[in-house]
Amino acid sequence: VRVLVVEDSLPNQELLKIHLETLGCSADYALNGKEAIEQLNVNKYDICLMDLQMPVMGGIETTKFIRTELKNQVPIIALTAAEIEEEREKCFTAGMNDYLAKPFGIDQLKEIIIKCTKM
């Protein structure tokens, strides 16, 4: 499974890297939405893990761009520390496929990857 991780926190990137390697996934990393769009223009991914709060371009804005401008239907999973129903609705309205509240464990990550990639 090829994963694009869009996360501005390096410690969170490191944790995701460990989890994804353990699960046998390969991953590329972007620090913000602008970098994510650049990666999606040149690479194909099975799933995208998208932080919501990032500098330059946040997760909601990035997802809307991916869906409307790139016409890319890669499954996008929101990663956020705020588990608020209003936030969840914003994610789905923007075009995200699912939602993972931080902190999460490897089992939750595995479950969502399997669900969203049908692997």
PDB file of N, CA and C in Angstrom:
ATOM      1  N   VAL A   1       0.854  -1.179   0.000  1.00  0.00           N
ATOM      2  CA  VAL A   1       0.000   0.000   0.000  1.00  0.00           C
ATOM      3  C   VAL A   1       0.895   1.236   0.000  1.00  0.00           C
ATOM      4  N   ARG A   2       0.646   2.109  -0.944  1.00  0.00           N
ATOM      5  CA  ARG A   2       1.438   3.342  -1.056  1.00  0.00           C
ATOM      6  C   ARG A   2       0.657   4.484  -0.408  1.00  0.00           C
ATOM      7  N   VAL A   3       1.297   5.139   0.574  1.00  0.00           N
ATOM      8  CA  VAL A   3       0.635   6.139   1.402  1.00  0.00           C
ATOM      9  C   VAL A   3       1.298   7.500   1.231  1.00  0.00           C
ATOM     10  N   LEU A   4       0.471   8.549   1.132  1.00  0.00           N
ATOM     11  CA  LEU A   4       0.973   9.917   1.216  1.00  0.00           C
ATOM     12  C   LEU A   4       0.567  10.446   2.587  1.00  0.00           C
ATOM     13  N   VAL A   5       1.560  10.794   3.390  1.00  0.00           N
ATOM     14  CA  VAL A   5       1.321  11.364   4.720  1.00  0.00           C
ATOM     15  C   VAL A   5       1.524  12.869   4.623  1.00  0.00           C
ATOM     16  N   VAL A   6       0.481  13.627   4.956  1.00  0.00           N
ATOM     17  CA  VAL A   6       0.551  15.085   4.927  1.00  0.00           C
ATOM     18  C   VAL A   6       0.443  15.546   6.375  1.00  0.00           C
ATOM     19  N   GLU A   7       1.578  15.881   6.952  1.00  0.00           N
ATOM     20  CA  GLU A   7       1.672  16.162   8.390  1.00  0.00           C
ATOM     21  C   GLU A   7       2.835  17.108   8.634  1.00  0.00           C
ATOM     22  N   ASP A   8       2.584  18.226   9.302  1.00  0.00           N
ATOM     23  CA  ASP A   8       3.640  19.214   9.532  1.00  0.00           C
ATOM     24  C   ASP A   8       4.474  18.930  10.781  1.00  0.00           C
ATOM     25  N   SER A   9       4.006  18.059  11.663  1.00  0.00           N
ATOM     26  CA  SER A   9       4.740  17.736  12.885  1.00  0.00           C
ATOM     27  C   SER A   9       5.715  16.582  12.619  1.00  0.00           C
ATOM     28  N   LEU A  10       7.009  16.874  12.755  1.00  0.00           N
ATOM     29  CA  LEU A  10       8.011  15.829  12.507  1.00  0.00           C
ATOM     30  C   LEU A  10       7.890  14.655  13.480  1.00  0.00           C
ATOM     31  N   PRO A  11       7.620  14.883  14.786  1.00  0.00           N
ATOM     32  CA  PRO A  11       7.417  13.728  15.674  1.00  0.00           C
ATOM     33  C   PRO A  11       6.228  12.859  15.233  1.00  0.00           C
ATOM     34  N   ASN A  12       5.149  13.487  14.764  1.00  0.00           N
ATOM     35  CA  ASN A  12       4.008  12.716  14.268  1.00  0.00           C
ATOM     36  C   ASN A  12       4.365  11.958  12.994  1.00  0.00           C
ATOM     37  N   GLN A  13       5.174  12.586  12.126  1.00  0.00           N
ATOM     38  CA  GLN A  13       5.651  11.898  10.920  1.00  0.00           C
ATOM     39  C   GLN A  13       6.461  10.664  11.294  1.00  0.00           C
ATOM     40  N   GLU A  14       7.340  10.818  12.276  1.00  0.00           N
ATOM     41  CA  GLU A  14       8.186   9.687  12.702  1.00  0.00           C
ATOM     42  C   GLU A  14       7.345   8.528  13.226  1.00  0.00           C
ATOM     43  N   LEU A  15       6.343   8.845  14.039  1.00  0.00           N
ATOM     44  CA  LEU A  15       5.468   7.813  14.579  1.00  0.00           C
ATOM     45  C   LEU A  15       4.702   7.106  13.454  1.00  0.00           C
ATOM     46  N   LEU A  16       4.190   7.891  12.526  1.00  0.00           N
ATOM     47  CA  LEU A  16       3.486   7.296  11.379  1.00  0.00           C
ATOM     48  C   LEU A  16       4.427   6.436  10.542  1.00  0.00           C
ATOM     49  N   LYS A  17       5.654   6.889  10.374  1.00  0.00           N
ATOM     50  CA  LYS A  17       6.639   6.125   9.605  1.00  0.00           C
ATOM     51  C   LYS A  17       6.848   4.747  10.230  1.00  0.00           C
ATOM     52  N   ILE A  18       6.995   4.715  11.539  1.00  0.00           N
ATOM     53  CA  ILE A  18       7.187   3.437  12.252  1.00  0.00           C
ATOM     54  C   ILE A  18       5.961   2.542  12.065  1.00  0.00           C
ATOM     55  N   HIS A  19       4.774   3.106  12.282  1.00  0.00           N
ATOM     56  CA  HIS A  19       3.536   2.326  12.124  1.00  0.00           C
ATOM     57  C   HIS A  19       3.388   1.795  10.700  1.00  0.00           C
ATOM     58  N   LEU A  20       3.609   2.660   9.717  1.00  0.00           N
ATOM     59  CA  LEU A  20       3.416   2.256   8.318  1.00  0.00           C
ATOM     60  C   LEU A  20       4.433   1.209   7.887  1.00  0.00           C
ATOM     61  N   GLU A  21       5.688   1.350   8.323  1.00  0.00           N
ATOM     62  CA  GLU A  21       6.697   0.340   8.010  1.00  0.00           C
ATOM     63  C   GLU A  21       6.320  -0.997   8.634  1.00  0.00           C
ATOM     64  N   THR A  22       5.833  -0.968   9.878  1.00  0.00           N
ATOM     65  CA  THR A  22       5.402  -2.184  10.568  1.00  0.00           C
ATOM     66  C   THR A  22       4.280  -2.873   9.795  1.00  0.00           C
ATOM     67  N   LEU A  23       3.398  -2.060   9.199  1.00  0.00           N
ATOM     68  CA  LEU A  23       2.267  -2.602   8.440  1.00  0.00           C
ATOM     69  C   LEU A  23       2.646  -2.982   7.004  1.00  0.00           C
ATOM     70  N   GLY A  24       3.902  -2.732   6.619  1.00  0.00           N
ATOM     71  CA  GLY A  24       4.360  -3.096   5.282  1.00  0.00           C
ATOM     72  C   GLY A  24       3.994  -2.100   4.196  1.00  0.00           C
ATOM     73  N   CYS A  25       3.677  -0.875   4.590  1.00  0.00           N
ATOM     74  CA  CYS A  25       3.319   0.167   3.627  1.00  0.00           C
ATOM     75  C   CYS A  25       4.553   0.974   3.238  1.00  0.00           C
ATOM     76  N   SER A  26       4.528   1.547   2.039  1.00  0.00           N
ATOM     77  CA  SER A  26       5.563   2.509   1.662  1.00  0.00           C
ATOM     78  C   SER A  26       4.916   3.888   1.722  1.00  0.00           C
ATOM     79  N   ALA A  27       5.696   4.899   2.111  1.00  0.00           N
ATOM     80  CA  ALA A  27       5.095   6.215   2.304  1.00  0.00           C
ATOM     81  C   ALA A  27       6.003   7.341   1.822  1.00  0.00           C
ATOM     82  N   ASP A  28       5.351   8.392   1.346  1.00  0.00           N
ATOM     83  CA  ASP A  28       6.000   9.665   1.066  1.00  0.00           C
ATOM     84  C   ASP A  28       5.395  10.669   2.028  1.00  0.00           C
ATOM     85  N   TYR A  29       6.153  11.739   2.293  1.00  0.00           N
ATOM     86  CA  TYR A  29       5.734  12.707   3.303  1.00  0.00           C
ATOM     87  C   TYR A  29       5.715  14.116   2.739  1.00  0.00           C
ATOM     88  N   ALA A  30       4.687  14.875   3.146  1.00  0.00           N
ATOM     89  CA  ALA A  30       4.566  16.279   2.783  1.00  0.00           C
ATOM     90  C   ALA A  30       4.305  17.060   4.067  1.00  0.00           C
ATOM     91  N   LEU A  31       4.877  18.267   4.161  1.00  0.00           N
ATOM     92  CA  LEU A  31       4.729  19.077   5.362  1.00  0.00           C
ATOM     93  C   LEU A  31       3.498  19.980   5.348  1.00  0.00           C
ATOM     94  N   ASN A  32       2.862  20.098   4.178  1.00  0.00           N
ATOM     95  CA  ASN A  32       1.660  20.928   4.080  1.00  0.00           C
ATOM     96  C   ASN A  32       0.895  20.542   2.814  1.00  0.00           C
ATOM     97  N   GLY A  33      -0.266  21.166   2.644  1.00  0.00           N
ATOM     98  CA  GLY A  33      -1.115  20.839   1.507  1.00  0.00           C
ATOM     99  C   GLY A  33      -0.502  21.146   0.161  1.00  0.00           C
ATOM    100  N   LYS A  34       0.251  22.222   0.079  1.00  0.00           N
ATOM    101  CA  LYS A  34       0.902  22.592  -1.183  1.00  0.00           C
ATOM    102  C   LYS A  34       1.860  21.480  -1.626  1.00  0.00           C
ATOM    103  N   GLU A  35       2.659  20.981  -0.687  1.00  0.00           N
ATOM    104  CA  GLU A  35       3.579  19.868  -1.006  1.00  0.00           C
ATOM    105  C   GLU A  35       2.799  18.610  -1.375  1.00  0.00           C
ATOM    106  N   ALA A  36       1.673  18.386  -0.708  1.00  0.00           N
ATOM    107  CA  ALA A  36       0.856  17.203  -1.002  1.00  0.00           C
ATOM    108  C   ALA A  36       0.349  17.245  -2.435  1.00  0.00           C
ATOM    109  N   ILE A  37      -0.122  18.415  -2.868  1.00  0.00           N
ATOM    110  CA  ILE A  37      -0.629  18.564  -4.236  1.00  0.00           C
ATOM    111  C   ILE A  37       0.491  18.303  -5.244  1.00  0.00           C
ATOM    112  N   GLU A  38       1.682  18.807  -4.945  1.00  0.00           N
ATOM    113  CA  GLU A  38       2.832  18.561  -5.823  1.00  0.00           C
ATOM    114  C   GLU A  38       3.114  17.065  -5.919  1.00  0.00           C
ATOM    115  N   GLN A  39       3.065  16.359  -4.789  1.00  0.00           N
ATOM    116  CA  GLN A  39       3.313  14.905  -4.784  1.00  0.00           C
ATOM    117  C   GLN A  39       2.233  14.164  -5.578  1.00  0.00           C
ATOM    118  N   LEU A  40       0.975  14.570  -5.388  1.00  0.00           N
ATOM    119  CA  LEU A  40      -0.127  13.899  -6.095  1.00  0.00           C
ATOM    120  C   LEU A  40      -0.086  14.136  -7.597  1.00  0.00           C
ATOM    121  N   ASN A  41       0.555  15.210  -8.023  1.00  0.00           N
ATOM    122  CA  ASN A  41       0.686  15.480  -9.453  1.00  0.00           C
ATOM    123  C   ASN A  41       1.669  14.540 -10.137  1.00  0.00           C
ATOM    124  N   VAL A  42       2.585  13.946  -9.375  1.00  0.00           N
ATOM    125  CA  VAL A  42       3.614  13.095  -9.989  1.00  0.00           C
ATOM    126  C   VAL A  42       3.586  11.639  -9.531  1.00  0.00           C
ATOM    127  N   ASN A  43       2.848  11.340  -8.455  1.00  0.00           N
ATOM    128  CA  ASN A  43       2.822   9.977  -7.913  1.00  0.00           C
ATOM    129  C   ASN A  43       1.390   9.495  -7.722  1.00  0.00           C
ATOM    130  N   LYS A  44       1.238   8.172  -7.728  1.00  0.00           N
ATOM    131  CA  LYS A  44      -0.063   7.564  -7.459  1.00  0.00           C
ATOM    132  C   LYS A  44      -0.022   6.947  -6.065  1.00  0.00           C
ATOM    133  N   TYR A  45      -1.051   7.217  -5.284  1.00  0.00           N
ATOM    134  CA  TYR A  45      -1.129   6.696  -3.921  1.00  0.00           C
ATOM    135  C   TYR A  45      -2.415   5.912  -3.735  1.00  0.00           C
ATOM    136  N   ASP A  46      -2.352   4.925  -2.818  1.00  0.00           N
ATOM    137  CA  ASP A  46      -3.535   4.141  -2.480  1.00  0.00           C
ATOM    138  C   ASP A  46      -4.381   4.839  -1.427  1.00  0.00           C
ATOM    139  N   ILE A  47      -3.732   5.689  -0.618  1.00  0.00           N
ATOM    140  CA  ILE A  47      -4.421   6.381   0.466  1.00  0.00           C
ATOM    141  C   ILE A  47      -3.587   7.592   0.888  1.00  0.00           C
ATOM    142  N   CYS A  48      -4.277   8.605   1.423  1.00  0.00           N
ATOM    143  CA  CYS A  48      -3.621   9.824   1.900  1.00  0.00           C
ATOM    144  C   CYS A  48      -4.060  10.083   3.334  1.00  0.00           C
ATOM    145  N   LEU A  49      -3.092  10.230   4.237  1.00  0.00           N
ATOM    146  CA  LEU A  49      -3.379  10.590   5.623  1.00  0.00           C
ATOM    147  C   LEU A  49      -3.119  12.080   5.758  1.00  0.00           C
ATOM    148  N   MET A  50      -4.157  12.857   6.066  1.00  0.00           N
ATOM    149  CA  MET A  50      -4.102  14.314   5.979  1.00  0.00           C
ATOM    150  C   MET A  50      -4.359  14.986   7.330  1.00  0.00           C
ATOM    151  N   ASP A  51      -3.329  15.650   7.855  1.00  0.00           N
ATOM    152  CA  ASP A  51      -3.515  16.475   9.040  1.00  0.00           C
ATOM    153  C   ASP A  51      -4.405  17.651   8.659  1.00  0.00           C
ATOM    154  N   LEU A  52      -5.142  18.194   9.615  1.00  0.00           N
ATOM    155  CA  LEU A  52      -6.035  19.307   9.301  1.00  0.00           C
ATOM    156  C   LEU A  52      -5.372  20.662   9.509  1.00  0.00           C
ATOM    157  N   GLN A  53      -4.624  20.802  10.592  1.00  0.00           N
ATOM    158  CA  GLN A  53      -4.022  22.087  10.945  1.00  0.00           C
ATOM    159  C   GLN A  53      -2.567  22.126  10.483  1.00  0.00           C
ATOM    160  N   MET A  54      -2.326  22.806   9.359  1.00  0.00           N
ATOM    161  CA  MET A  54      -0.963  22.911   8.828  1.00  0.00           C
ATOM    162  C   MET A  54      -0.744  24.316   8.294  1.00  0.00           C
ATOM    163  N   PRO A  55       0.533  24.754   8.281  1.00  0.00           N
ATOM    164  CA  PRO A  55       0.830  26.050   7.671  1.00  0.00           C
ATOM    165  C   PRO A  55       0.731  25.950   6.139  1.00  0.00           C
ATOM    166  N   VAL A  56       0.726  27.050   5.482  1.00  0.00           N
ATOM    167  CA  VAL A  56       0.679  27.180   4.022  1.00  0.00           C
ATOM    168  C   VAL A  56      -0.706  26.807   3.472  1.00  0.00           C
ATOM    169  N   MET A  57      -1.101  25.550   3.662  1.00  0.00           N
ATOM    170  CA  MET A  57      -2.392  25.075   3.159  1.00  0.00           C
ATOM    171  C   MET A  57      -2.867  23.939   4.058  1.00  0.00           C
ATOM    172  N   GLY A  58      -3.983  24.150   4.736  1.00  0.00           N
ATOM    173  CA  GLY A  58      -4.506  23.158   5.675  1.00  0.00           C
ATOM    174  C   GLY A  58      -5.188  21.986   4.995  1.00  0.00           C
ATOM    175  N   GLY A  59      -5.586  21.017   5.779  1.00  0.00           N
ATOM    176  CA  GLY A  59      -6.155  19.775   5.262  1.00  0.00           C
ATOM    177  C   GLY A  59      -7.483  19.910   4.544  1.00  0.00           C
ATOM    178  N   ILE A  60      -8.374  20.749   5.068  1.00  0.00           N
ATOM    179  CA  ILE A  60      -9.685  20.934   4.433  1.00  0.00           C
ATOM    180  C   ILE A  60      -9.508  21.580   3.056  1.00  0.00           C
ATOM    181  N   GLU A  61      -8.742  22.673   3.024  1.00  0.00           N
ATOM    182  CA  GLU A  61      -8.485  23.395   1.769  1.00  0.00           C
ATOM    183  C   GLU A  61      -7.803  22.486   0.747  1.00  0.00           C
ATOM    184  N   THR A  62      -6.830  21.714   1.215  1.00  0.00           N
ATOM    185  CA  THR A  62      -6.098  20.800   0.336  1.00  0.00           C
ATOM    186  C   THR A  62      -7.019  19.735  -0.241  1.00  0.00           C
ATOM    187  N   THR A  63      -7.870  19.162   0.599  1.00  0.00           N
ATOM    188  CA  THR A  63      -8.789  18.121   0.138  1.00  0.00           C
ATOM    189  C   THR A  63      -9.734  18.665  -0.923  1.00  0.00           C
ATOM    190  N   LYS A  64     -10.280  19.849  -0.696  1.00  0.00           N
ATOM    191  CA  LYS A  64     -11.176  20.458  -1.689  1.00  0.00           C
ATOM    192  C   LYS A  64     -10.457  20.626  -3.024  1.00  0.00           C
ATOM    193  N   PHE A  65      -9.191  21.073  -2.973  1.00  0.00           N
ATOM    194  CA  PHE A  65      -8.404  21.261  -4.194  1.00  0.00           C
ATOM    195  C   PHE A  65      -8.174  19.923  -4.903  1.00  0.00           C
ATOM    196  N   ILE A  66      -7.817  18.896  -4.120  1.00  0.00           N
ATOM    197  CA  ILE A  66      -7.560  17.563  -4.683  1.00  0.00           C
ATOM    198  C   ILE A  66      -8.807  17.042  -5.393  1.00  0.00           C
ATOM    199  N   ARG A  67      -9.958  17.228  -4.785  1.00  0.00           N
ATOM    200  CA  ARG A  67     -11.208  16.719  -5.363  1.00  0.00           C
ATOM    201  C   ARG A  67     -11.672  17.542  -6.567  1.00  0.00           C
ATOM    202  N   THR A  68     -11.595  18.871  -6.478  1.00  0.00           N
ATOM    203  CA  THR A  68     -12.173  19.700  -7.544  1.00  0.00           C
ATOM    204  C   THR A  68     -11.192  20.021  -8.658  1.00  0.00           C
ATOM    205  N   GLU A  69      -9.968  20.359  -8.320  1.00  0.00           N
ATOM    206  CA  GLU A  69      -8.986  20.764  -9.338  1.00  0.00           C
ATOM    207  C   GLU A  69      -8.225  19.572  -9.923  1.00  0.00           C
ATOM    208  N   LEU A  70      -7.743  18.683  -9.056  1.00  0.00           N
ATOM    209  CA  LEU A  70      -6.983  17.525  -9.541  1.00  0.00           C
ATOM    210  C   LEU A  70      -7.903  16.397 -10.007  1.00  0.00           C
ATOM    211  N   LYS A  71      -9.157  16.438  -9.573  1.00  0.00           N
ATOM    212  CA  LYS A  71     -10.121  15.368  -9.886  1.00  0.00           C
ATOM    213  C   LYS A  71      -9.575  14.006  -9.447  1.00  0.00           C
ATOM    214  N   ASN A  72      -8.878  14.006  -8.313  1.00  0.00           N
ATOM    215  CA  ASN A  72      -8.252  12.797  -7.781  1.00  0.00           C
ATOM    216  C   ASN A  72      -9.147  12.224  -6.688  1.00  0.00           C
ATOM    217  N   GLN A  73      -9.444  10.938  -6.781  1.00  0.00           N
ATOM    218  CA  GLN A  73     -10.336  10.287  -5.814  1.00  0.00           C
ATOM    219  C   GLN A  73      -9.595   9.387  -4.825  1.00  0.00           C
ATOM    220  N   VAL A  74      -8.297   9.643  -4.609  1.00  0.00           N
ATOM    221  CA  VAL A  74      -7.547   8.886  -3.608  1.00  0.00           C
ATOM    222  C   VAL A  74      -8.289   8.992  -2.268  1.00  0.00           C
ATOM    223  N   PRO A  75      -8.424   7.878  -1.537  1.00  0.00           N
ATOM    224  CA  PRO A  75      -9.048   7.971  -0.217  1.00  0.00           C
ATOM    225  C   PRO A  75      -8.217   8.895   0.695  1.00  0.00           C
ATOM    226  N   ILE A  76      -8.877   9.882   1.295  1.00  0.00           N
ATOM    227  CA  ILE A  76      -8.207  10.830   2.189  1.00  0.00           C
ATOM    228  C   ILE A  76      -8.769  10.656   3.592  1.00  0.00           C
ATOM    229  N   ILE A  77      -7.857  10.420   4.537  1.00  0.00           N
ATOM    230  CA  ILE A  77      -8.230  10.226   5.934  1.00  0.00           C
ATOM    231  C   ILE A  77      -7.753  11.434   6.736  1.00  0.00           C
ATOM    232  N   ALA A  78      -8.686  12.093   7.423  1.00  0.00           N
ATOM    233  CA  ALA A  78      -8.338  13.239   8.260  1.00  0.00           C
ATOM    234  C   ALA A  78      -7.618  12.758   9.514  1.00  0.00           C
ATOM    235  N   LEU A  79      -6.535  13.441   9.856  1.00  0.00           N
ATOM    236  CA  LEU A  79      -5.831  13.205  11.113  1.00  0.00           C
ATOM    237  C   LEU A  79      -5.952  14.481  11.939  1.00  0.00           C
ATOM    238  N   THR A  80      -6.577  14.382  13.094  1.00  0.00           N
ATOM    239  CA  THR A  80      -6.731  15.578  13.911  1.00  0.00           C
ATOM    240  C   THR A  80      -6.822  15.245  15.385  1.00  0.00           C
ATOM    241  N   ALA A  81      -6.385  16.188  16.207  1.00  0.00           N
ATOM    242  CA  ALA A  81      -6.464  16.039  17.652  1.00  0.00           C
ATOM    243  C   ALA A  81      -7.840  16.454  18.157  1.00  0.00           C
ATOM    244  N   ALA A  82      -8.588  17.180  17.355  1.00  0.00           N
ATOM    245  CA  ALA A  82      -9.905  17.679  17.766  1.00  0.00           C
ATOM    246  C   ALA A  82     -10.994  16.718  17.324  1.00  0.00           C
ATOM    247  N   GLU A  83     -11.532  15.973  18.277  1.00  0.00           N
ATOM    248  CA  GLU A  83     -12.606  15.037  17.938  1.00  0.00           C
ATOM    249  C   GLU A  83     -13.942  15.721  18.227  1.00  0.00           C
ATOM    250  N   ILE A  84     -14.306  16.628  17.336  1.00  0.00           N
ATOM    251  CA  ILE A  84     -15.526  17.409  17.467  1.00  0.00           C
ATOM    252  C   ILE A  84     -16.410  17.082  16.270  1.00  0.00           C
ATOM    253  N   GLU A  85     -17.691  16.889  16.514  1.00  0.00           N
ATOM    254  CA  GLU A  85     -18.613  16.517  15.441  1.00  0.00           C
ATOM    255  C   GLU A  85     -18.601  17.540  14.306  1.00  0.00           C
ATOM    256  N   GLU A  86     -18.519  18.817  14.659  1.00  0.00           N
ATOM    257  CA  GLU A  86     -18.488  19.881  13.648  1.00  0.00           C
ATOM    258  C   GLU A  86     -17.255  19.733  12.746  1.00  0.00           C
ATOM    259  N   GLU A  87     -16.120  19.386  13.350  1.00  0.00           N
ATOM    260  CA  GLU A  87     -14.883  19.182  12.599  1.00  0.00           C
ATOM    261  C   GLU A  87     -15.029  17.987  11.658  1.00  0.00           C
ATOM    262  N   ARG A  88     -15.629  16.935  12.160  1.00  0.00           N
ATOM    263  CA  ARG A  88     -15.856  15.722  11.371  1.00  0.00           C
ATOM    264  C   ARG A  88     -16.709  16.045  10.140  1.00  0.00           C
ATOM    265  N   GLU A  89     -17.756  16.823  10.327  1.00  0.00           N
ATOM    266  CA  GLU A  89     -18.631  17.206   9.218  1.00  0.00           C
ATOM    267  C   GLU A  89     -17.875  18.016   8.168  1.00  0.00           C
ATOM    268  N   LYS A  90     -17.008  18.934   8.612  1.00  0.00           N
ATOM    269  CA  LYS A  90     -16.201  19.725   7.677  1.00  0.00           C
ATOM    270  C   LYS A  90     -15.331  18.807   6.821  1.00  0.00           C
ATOM    271  N   CYS A  91     -14.777  17.774   7.443  1.00  0.00           N
ATOM    272  CA  CYS A  91     -13.921  16.821   6.731  1.00  0.00           C
ATOM    273  C   CYS A  91     -14.697  16.112   5.630  1.00  0.00           C
ATOM    274  N   PHE A  92     -15.873  15.600   5.971  1.00  0.00           N
ATOM    275  CA  PHE A  92     -16.670  14.865   4.990  1.00  0.00           C
ATOM    276  C   PHE A  92     -17.189  15.788   3.896  1.00  0.00           C
ATOM    277  N   THR A  93     -17.583  16.992   4.257  1.00  0.00           N
ATOM    278  CA  THR A  93     -18.067  17.960   3.278  1.00  0.00           C
ATOM    279  C   THR A  93     -16.972  18.322   2.282  1.00  0.00           C
ATOM    280  N   ALA A  94     -15.731  18.404   2.758  1.00  0.00           N
ATOM    281  CA  ALA A  94     -14.595  18.740   1.888  1.00  0.00           C
ATOM    282  C   ALA A  94     -14.251  17.606   0.925  1.00  0.00           C
ATOM    283  N   GLY A  95     -14.684  16.374   1.253  1.00  0.00           N
ATOM    284  CA  GLY A  95     -14.405  15.239   0.373  1.00  0.00           C
ATOM    285  C   GLY A  95     -13.533  14.169   0.990  1.00  0.00           C
ATOM    286  N   MET A  96     -13.276  14.286   2.299  1.00  0.00           N
ATOM    287  CA  MET A  96     -12.484  13.245   2.966  1.00  0.00           C
ATOM    288  C   MET A  96     -13.337  11.990   3.124  1.00  0.00           C
ATOM    289  N   ASN A  97     -12.667  10.839   3.180  1.00  0.00           N
ATOM    290  CA  ASN A  97     -13.373   9.564   3.258  1.00  0.00           C
ATOM    291  C   ASN A  97     -13.579   9.068   4.676  1.00  0.00           C
ATOM    292  N   ASP A  98     -12.680   9.455   5.573  1.00  0.00           N
ATOM    293  CA  ASP A  98     -12.789   8.991   6.956  1.00  0.00           C
ATOM    294  C   ASP A  98     -11.989   9.916   7.851  1.00  0.00           C
ATOM    295  N   TYR A  99     -11.946   9.569   9.134  1.00  0.00           N
ATOM    296  CA  TYR A  99     -11.478  10.460  10.176  1.00  0.00           C
ATOM    297  C   TYR A  99     -10.756   9.631  11.227  1.00  0.00           C
ATOM    298  N   LEU A 100      -9.571  10.040  11.630  1.00  0.00           N
ATOM    299  CA  LEU A 100      -8.817   9.338  12.662  1.00  0.00           C
ATOM    300  C   LEU A 100      -8.362  10.359  13.691  1.00  0.00           C
ATOM    301  N   ALA A 101      -8.839  10.209  14.923  1.00  0.00           N
ATOM    302  CA  ALA A 101      -8.501  11.164  15.979  1.00  0.00           C
ATOM    303  C   ALA A 101      -7.172  10.797  16.629  1.00  0.00           C
ATOM    304  N   LYS A 102      -6.299  11.812  16.789  1.00  0.00           N
ATOM    305  CA  LYS A 102      -5.020  11.612  17.473  1.00  0.00           C
ATOM    306  C   LYS A 102      -5.261  11.677  18.978  1.00  0.00           C
ATOM    307  N   PRO A 103      -4.555  10.911  19.768  1.00  0.00           N
ATOM    308  CA  PRO A 103      -3.592   9.888  19.347  1.00  0.00           C
ATOM    309  C   PRO A 103      -4.322   8.604  18.941  1.00  0.00           C
ATOM    310  N   PHE A 104      -3.758   7.881  17.994  1.00  0.00           N
ATOM    311  CA  PHE A 104      -4.340   6.612  17.570  1.00  0.00           C
ATOM    312  C   PHE A 104      -3.246   5.562  17.574  1.00  0.00           C
ATOM    313  N   GLY A 105      -3.642   4.309  17.653  1.00  0.00           N
ATOM    314  CA  GLY A 105      -2.682   3.217  17.672  1.00  0.00           C
ATOM    315  C   GLY A 105      -2.552   2.553  16.316  1.00  0.00           C
ATOM    316  N   ILE A 106      -1.601   1.643  16.229  1.00  0.00           N
ATOM    317  CA  ILE A 106      -1.330   0.955  14.965  1.00  0.00           C
ATOM    318  C   ILE A 106      -2.545   0.137  14.510  1.00  0.00           C
ATOM    319  N   ASP A 107      -3.299  -0.425  15.468  1.00  0.00           N
ATOM    320  CA  ASP A 107      -4.470  -1.223  15.096  1.00  0.00           C
ATOM    321  C   ASP A 107      -5.548  -0.369  14.438  1.00  0.00           C
ATOM    322  N   GLN A 108      -5.764   0.847  14.959  1.00  0.00           N
ATOM    323  CA  GLN A 108      -6.746   1.753  14.353  1.00  0.00           C
ATOM    324  C   GLN A 108      -6.292   2.167  12.956  1.00  0.00           C
ATOM    325  N   LEU A 109      -4.997   2.431  12.812  1.00  0.00           N
ATOM    326  CA  LEU A 109      -4.440   2.819  11.514  1.00  0.00           C
ATOM    327  C   LEU A 109      -4.603   1.681  10.506  1.00  0.00           C
ATOM    328  N   LYS A 110      -4.269   0.472  10.928  1.00  0.00           N
ATOM    329  CA  LYS A 110      -4.396  -0.702  10.053  1.00  0.00           C
ATOM    330  C   LYS A 110      -5.844  -0.884   9.604  1.00  0.00           C
ATOM    331  N   GLU A 111      -6.770  -0.761  10.543  1.00  0.00           N
ATOM    332  CA  GLU A 111      -8.190  -0.934  10.251  1.00  0.00           C
ATOM    333  C   GLU A 111      -8.681   0.066   9.197  1.00  0.00           C
ATOM    334  N   ILE A 112      -8.270   1.304   9.335  1.00  0.00           N
ATOM    335  CA  ILE A 112      -8.729   2.338   8.400  1.00  0.00           C
ATOM    336  C   ILE A 112      -8.075   2.171   7.027  1.00  0.00           C
ATOM    337  N   ILE A 113      -6.824   1.732   6.988  1.00  0.00           N
ATOM    338  CA  ILE A 113      -6.150   1.487   5.701  1.00  0.00           C
ATOM    339  C   ILE A 113      -6.855   0.350   4.967  1.00  0.00           C
ATOM    340  N   ILE A 114      -7.145  -0.730   5.689  1.00  0.00           N
ATOM    341  CA  ILE A 114      -7.828  -1.870   5.074  1.00  0.00           C
ATOM    342  C   ILE A 114      -9.215  -1.451   4.574  1.00  0.00           C
ATOM    343  N   LYS A 115      -9.948  -0.724   5.396  1.00  0.00           N
ATOM    344  CA  LYS A 115     -11.302  -0.288   5.036  1.00  0.00           C
ATOM    345  C   LYS A 115     -11.305   0.612   3.802  1.00  0.00           C
ATOM    346  N   CYS A 116     -10.380   1.558   3.752  1.00  0.00           N
ATOM    347  CA  CYS A 116     -10.404   2.559   2.689  1.00  0.00           C
ATOM    348  C   CYS A 116      -9.699   2.140   1.400  1.00  0.00           C
ATOM    349  N   THR A 117      -8.815   1.154   1.482  1.00  0.00           N
ATOM    350  CA  THR A 117      -8.121   0.714   0.274  1.00  0.00           C
ATOM    351  C   THR A 117      -8.642  -0.628  -0.220  1.00  0.00           C
ATOM    352  N   LYS A 118      -9.501  -1.256   0.555  1.00  0.00           N
ATOM    353  CA  LYS A 118     -10.058  -2.580   0.232  1.00  0.00           C
ATOM    354  C   LYS A 118      -8.951  -3.626   0.093  1.00  0.00           C
ATOM    355  N   MET A 119      -7.841  -3.426   0.858  1.00  0.00           N
ATOM    356  CA  MET A 119      -6.710  -4.353   0.807  1.00  0.00           C
ATOM    357  C   MET A 119      -6.878  -5.443   1.863  1.00  0.00           C
TER     358      MET A 119
END
